[in-house]
Amino acid sequence: MPYVSYSEREFERAVARLTAKVNKKGPKPRGLKGRCWIWTGFTNKDGYGQTSSSAFATSLVHRIFWLLDGRELDPVLVLDHLCRNRACCNPDHLEQVTFAENLRRGGLGTHNRIKMHCPKGHPYSKRNTMKTPNGRRKCRTCDNTARSARRKRAAGNWSA
């Protein structure tokens, strides 16, 4: 059982407090069994439900519900939200996958690939975009401005 040295009664109370913070009437994702169970308690900066209960070996709510459903956590794998809703803790909406697979499914890098302009507002056009050795995009206009400023600072230091 996923709890840390608690009596059965104390553990049942901890589970009751936990389930009281779940809205089981969330959206019904296409192709998945049942509705999302939305965690209404605290969510961390990444949007995952989190609890501070010391009754469980983990503080991430979706992992706790996975264990409460009688499933085991493989230490090499991570839980992927098939519904793409990080606040969902329905075990039927979770699947254990490798970290790389979880990143692939989550659309790693899509957020930056769809950007049309650099942070300074210059367009990411073929003419104004270059690739760094690690494969990232870089704005030529910003890069040229930064190089020019570095040269001016270096020239100023030599003349002092």
Protein backbone atom coordinates (compact mmCIF):
# COMPACT_ATOMS: atom_id res chain seq x y z
CA MET A 1 0.00 0.00 0.00
CA PRO A 2 1.25 3.53 -0.79
CA TYR A 3 1.34 4.89 2.73
CA VAL A 4 4.00 5.54 5.31
CA SER A 5 3.59 3.88 8.76
CA TYR A 6 -0.01 4.94 9.40
CA SER A 7 -2.70 2.91 11.11
CA GLU A 8 -5.43 1.65 8.82
CA ARG A 9 -7.90 4.13 10.32
CA GLU A 10 -5.55 7.11 9.86
CA PHE A 11 -4.84 6.01 6.31
CA GLU A 12 -8.57 5.76 5.51
CA ARG A 13 -9.04 9.31 6.84
CA ALA A 14 -6.17 10.55 4.68
CA VAL A 15 -7.73 8.89 1.60
CA ALA A 16 -11.13 10.44 2.46
CA ARG A 17 -9.55 13.93 2.73
CA LEU A 18 -7.84 13.34 -0.59
CA THR A 19 -10.92 12.13 -2.48
CA ALA A 20 -12.94 15.07 -1.12
CA LYS A 21 -10.76 17.33 -3.26
CA VAL A 22 -11.56 15.51 -6.52
CA ASN A 23 -14.28 16.55 -8.96
CA LYS A 24 -15.21 13.36 -10.84
CA LYS A 25 -17.47 15.27 -13.25
CA GLY A 26 -14.68 16.64 -15.42
CA PRO A 27 -14.65 16.50 -19.22
CA LYS A 28 -14.95 13.17 -21.02
CA PRO A 29 -11.99 12.90 -23.43
CA ARG A 30 -12.66 11.11 -26.69
CA GLY A 31 -11.34 7.56 -26.76
CA LEU A 32 -10.83 7.25 -23.00
CA LYS A 33 -12.85 5.41 -20.38
CA GLY A 34 -14.77 7.72 -18.04
CA ARG A 35 -14.46 11.39 -17.20
CA CYS A 36 -11.44 13.30 -15.97
CA TRP A 37 -11.15 13.43 -12.19
CA ILE A 38 -10.07 17.02 -11.65
CA TRP A 39 -7.97 17.76 -8.58
CA THR A 40 -9.47 20.86 -6.93
CA GLY A 41 -6.75 21.22 -4.30
CA PHE A 42 -3.30 22.74 -4.69
CA THR A 43 -1.58 22.39 -8.06
CA ASN A 44 2.14 22.95 -8.50
CA LYS A 45 3.66 25.40 -11.01
CA ASP A 46 3.43 22.74 -13.74
CA GLY A 47 -0.30 22.16 -13.16
CA TYR A 48 -0.07 18.77 -11.43
CA GLY A 49 -2.21 18.10 -8.34
CA GLN A 50 -0.15 17.97 -5.19
CA THR A 51 -0.83 17.17 -1.55
CA SER A 52 1.16 17.72 1.61
CA SER A 53 -0.24 14.65 3.37
CA SER A 54 2.49 12.62 5.03
CA ALA A 55 0.31 9.50 4.69
CA PHE A 56 1.62 8.87 1.18
CA ALA A 57 5.09 8.19 -0.18
CA THR A 58 4.55 10.74 -2.97
CA SER A 59 2.95 14.16 -3.02
CA LEU A 60 1.74 14.04 -6.65
CA VAL A 61 -1.95 13.22 -6.60
CA HIS A 62 -2.14 11.32 -9.92
CA ARG A 63 0.58 8.96 -8.65
CA ILE A 64 -1.31 8.41 -5.38
CA PHE A 65 -4.55 7.53 -7.22
CA TRP A 66 -2.57 5.18 -9.49
CA LEU A 67 -1.33 3.34 -6.39
CA LEU A 68 -4.73 3.42 -4.66
CA ASP A 69 -6.15 1.69 -7.75
CA GLY A 70 -3.87 -1.27 -6.96
CA ARG A 71 -1.33 -0.56 -9.69
CA GLU A 72 2.43 -0.49 -9.22
CA LEU A 73 4.80 2.30 -10.23
CA ASP A 74 7.80 1.21 -12.26
CA PRO A 75 10.72 3.40 -11.09
CA VAL A 76 12.09 3.59 -14.66
CA LEU A 77 8.83 4.87 -16.16
CA VAL A 78 6.70 8.01 -15.74
CA LEU A 79 2.94 8.42 -15.77
CA ASP A 80 1.58 10.03 -18.94
CA HIS A 81 -1.80 11.79 -18.86
CA LEU A 82 -3.56 10.37 -21.92
CA CYS A 83 -6.26 13.03 -21.52
CA ARG A 84 -3.53 15.75 -21.64
CA ASN A 85 -5.04 17.26 -18.45
CA ARG A 86 -2.34 17.53 -15.78
CA ALA A 87 -4.88 18.10 -12.99
CA CYS A 88 -6.62 14.79 -13.84
CA CYS A 89 -6.04 11.95 -11.37
CA ASN A 90 -8.24 9.25 -12.96
CA PRO A 91 -6.02 6.13 -13.12
CA ASP A 92 -7.78 5.05 -16.34
CA HIS A 93 -6.43 8.21 -17.99
CA LEU A 94 -2.82 7.42 -17.06
CA GLU A 95 -0.25 5.18 -18.70
CA GLN A 96 3.31 4.31 -17.68
CA VAL A 97 5.74 5.23 -20.46
CA THR A 98 9.41 6.13 -20.81
CA PHE A 99 10.42 9.73 -20.18
CA ALA A 100 11.33 10.15 -23.88
CA GLU A 101 7.90 8.86 -24.97
CA ASN A 102 6.18 11.22 -22.53
CA LEU A 103 8.10 14.17 -24.00
CA ARG A 104 7.27 13.08 -27.56
CA ARG A 105 3.57 12.76 -26.78
CA GLY A 106 3.56 16.16 -25.08
CA GLY A 107 4.77 17.90 -28.23
CA LEU A 108 8.22 18.85 -26.95
CA GLY A 109 9.37 22.07 -28.62
CA THR A 110 6.06 22.77 -30.36
CA HIS A 111 5.55 25.90 -28.28
CA ASN A 112 8.75 27.47 -29.62
CA ARG A 113 8.45 26.11 -33.18
CA ILE A 114 5.18 27.94 -33.76
CA LYS A 115 6.63 31.33 -32.80
CA MET A 116 6.90 33.67 -35.79
CA HIS A 117 9.05 36.39 -34.17
CA CYS A 118 12.02 36.56 -31.81
CA PRO A 119 11.51 38.08 -28.33
CA LYS A 120 12.56 41.51 -29.72
CA GLY A 121 9.93 41.30 -32.48
CA HIS A 122 12.12 40.46 -35.51
CA PRO A 123 10.56 37.92 -37.91
CA TYR A 124 11.83 34.35 -37.99
CA SER A 125 12.22 34.36 -41.77
CA LYS A 126 14.66 32.23 -43.78
CA ARG A 127 16.86 35.27 -44.25
CA ASN A 128 16.80 36.40 -40.59
CA THR A 129 17.06 33.01 -38.87
CA MET A 130 20.12 30.89 -38.19
CA LYS A 131 20.54 27.56 -36.42
CA THR A 132 22.79 27.15 -33.40
CA PRO A 133 24.97 24.01 -33.06
CA ASN A 134 22.37 22.50 -30.68
CA GLY A 135 19.61 22.96 -33.28
CA ARG A 136 17.86 26.04 -31.87
CA ARG A 137 16.77 29.06 -33.88
CA LYS A 138 18.55 32.36 -33.45
CA CYS A 139 17.59 35.78 -34.76
CA ARG A 140 20.36 37.18 -37.03
CA THR A 141 19.39 40.79 -36.31
CA CYS A 142 19.63 40.29 -32.53
CA ASP A 143 22.85 38.28 -32.90
CA ASN A 144 24.46 41.03 -35.03
CA THR A 145 23.38 43.72 -32.55
CA ALA A 146 24.84 41.75 -29.64
CA ARG A 147 28.14 41.15 -31.51
CA SER A 148 28.42 44.84 -32.36
CA ALA A 149 27.82 45.84 -28.73
CA ARG A 150 30.45 43.35 -27.53
CA ARG A 151 33.00 44.74 -30.03
CA LYS A 152 32.28 48.31 -28.88
CA ARG A 153 32.67 47.34 -25.22
CA ALA A 154 35.92 45.51 -25.96
CA ALA A 155 37.28 48.49 -27.94
CA GLY A 156 36.35 50.80 -25.09
CA ASN A 157 38.21 48.61 -22.58
CA TRP A 158 41.45 48.65 -24.65
CA SER A 159 41.51 52.41 -25.00
CA ALA A 160 41.16 53.04 -21.24
